[in-house]
Amino acid sequence: MSQQTKVITALNAARDELQGKIVATKQLVDEEKTSLAAQKDALSKAETELAKYEKQYDGL
């Protein structure tokens, strides 16, 4: 195998590894976005519930 072929093979392997890492990172980002959206929704519900109790307390 020529030196050029060895270099090309190594570069292709490195590219494939990086592409795999990019895909994995994108999946992690998507999972985090989903988690954050769920947390935002839960926080919004909690704030709504808190506002309801604050109104009741103010009425006492």
C-alpha atoms as a PDB file:
ATOM      1  CA  MET A   1       0.000   0.000   0.000  1.00  0.00           C
ATOM      2  CA  SER A   2       1.407   3.354  -0.972  1.00  0.00           C
ATOM      3  CA  GLN A   3       1.888   6.166   1.503  1.00  0.00           C
ATOM      4  CA  GLN A   4      -0.820   8.180  -0.231  1.00  0.00           C
ATOM      5  CA  THR A   5      -3.300   5.302   0.091  1.00  0.00           C
ATOM      6  CA  LYS A   6      -2.475   4.936   3.789  1.00  0.00           C
ATOM      7  CA  VAL A   7      -3.066   8.646   4.371  1.00  0.00           C
ATOM      8  CA  ILE A   8      -6.363   8.585   2.478  1.00  0.00           C
ATOM      9  CA  THR A   9      -7.488   5.526   4.452  1.00  0.00           C
ATOM     10  CA  ALA A  10      -6.591   7.206   7.746  1.00  0.00           C
ATOM     11  CA  LEU A  11      -8.366  10.411   6.747  1.00  0.00           C
ATOM     12  CA  ASN A  12     -11.476   8.499   5.726  1.00  0.00           C
ATOM     13  CA  ALA A  13     -11.494   6.644   9.044  1.00  0.00           C
ATOM     14  CA  ALA A  14     -11.125   9.913  10.945  1.00  0.00           C
ATOM     15  CA  ARG A  15     -13.946  11.462   8.918  1.00  0.00           C
ATOM     16  CA  ASP A  16     -16.224   8.503   9.623  1.00  0.00           C
ATOM     17  CA  GLU A  17     -15.453   8.712  13.345  1.00  0.00           C
ATOM     18  CA  LEU A  18     -16.199  12.443  13.422  1.00  0.00           C
ATOM     19  CA  GLN A  19     -19.446  11.970  11.529  1.00  0.00           C
ATOM     20  CA  GLY A  20     -20.489   9.371  14.098  1.00  0.00           C
ATOM     21  CA  LYS A  21     -19.693  11.783  16.911  1.00  0.00           C
ATOM     22  CA  ILE A  22     -21.652  14.541  15.181  1.00  0.00           C
ATOM     23  CA  VAL A  23     -24.710  12.296  14.894  1.00  0.00           C
ATOM     24  CA  ALA A  24     -24.420  11.301  18.554  1.00  0.00           C
ATOM     25  CA  THR A  25     -24.058  14.939  19.599  1.00  0.00           C
ATOM     26  CA  LYS A  26     -27.107  15.959  17.566  1.00  0.00           C
ATOM     27  CA  GLN A  27     -29.111  13.212  19.277  1.00  0.00           C
ATOM     28  CA  LEU A  28     -27.998  14.455  22.694  1.00  0.00           C
ATOM     29  CA  VAL A  29     -28.952  18.019  21.771  1.00  0.00           C
ATOM     30  CA  ASP A  30     -32.385  16.857  20.625  1.00  0.00           C
ATOM     31  CA  GLU A  31     -32.873  14.936  23.881  1.00  0.00           C
ATOM     32  CA  GLU A  32     -31.860  18.003  25.896  1.00  0.00           C
ATOM     33  CA  LYS A  33     -34.257  20.198  23.918  1.00  0.00           C
ATOM     34  CA  THR A  34     -37.073  17.755  24.635  1.00  0.00           C
ATOM     35  CA  SER A  35     -36.157  17.650  28.323  1.00  0.00           C
ATOM     36  CA  LEU A  36     -35.978  21.434  28.555  1.00  0.00           C
ATOM     37  CA  ALA A  37     -39.353  21.792  26.830  1.00  0.00           C
ATOM     38  CA  ALA A  38     -40.881  19.400  29.367  1.00  0.00           C
ATOM     39  CA  GLN A  39     -39.275  21.314  32.236  1.00  0.00           C
ATOM     40  CA  LYS A  40     -40.538  24.607  30.828  1.00  0.00           C
ATOM     41  CA  ASP A  41     -44.048  23.172  30.605  1.00  0.00           C
ATOM     42  CA  ALA A  42     -43.883  21.866  34.177  1.00  0.00           C
ATOM     43  CA  LEU A  43     -42.617  25.241  35.393  1.00  0.00           C
ATOM     44  CA  SER A  44     -45.420  27.043  33.595  1.00  0.00           C
ATOM     45  CA  LYS A  45     -47.995  24.761  35.212  1.00  0.00           C
ATOM     46  CA  ALA A  46     -46.414  25.275  38.631  1.00  0.00           C
ATOM     47  CA  GLU A  47     -46.441  29.057  38.177  1.00  0.00           C
ATOM     48  CA  THR A  48     -50.113  28.933  37.203  1.00  0.00           C
ATOM     49  CA  GLU A  49     -50.901  26.826  40.263  1.00  0.00           C
ATOM     50  CA  LEU A  50     -48.895  29.168  42.481  1.00  0.00           C
ATOM     51  CA  ALA A  51     -50.745  32.196  41.132  1.00  0.00           C
ATOM     52  CA  LYS A  52     -54.040  30.468  41.952  1.00  0.00           C
ATOM     53  CA  TYR A  53     -52.971  29.889  45.568  1.00  0.00           C
ATOM     54  CA  GLU A  54     -51.619  33.419  45.886  1.00  0.00           C
ATOM     55  CA  LYS A  55     -55.022  34.796  44.839  1.00  0.00           C
ATOM     56  CA  GLN A  56     -56.718  32.616  47.447  1.00  0.00           C
ATOM     57  CA  TYR A  57     -54.255  33.778  50.101  1.00  0.00           C
ATOM     58  CA  ASP A  58     -54.723  37.438  49.180  1.00  0.00           C
ATOM     59  CA  GLY A  59     -58.467  36.949  49.571  1.00  0.00           C
ATOM     60  CA  LEU A  60     -58.169  35.843  53.187  1.00  0.00           C
END
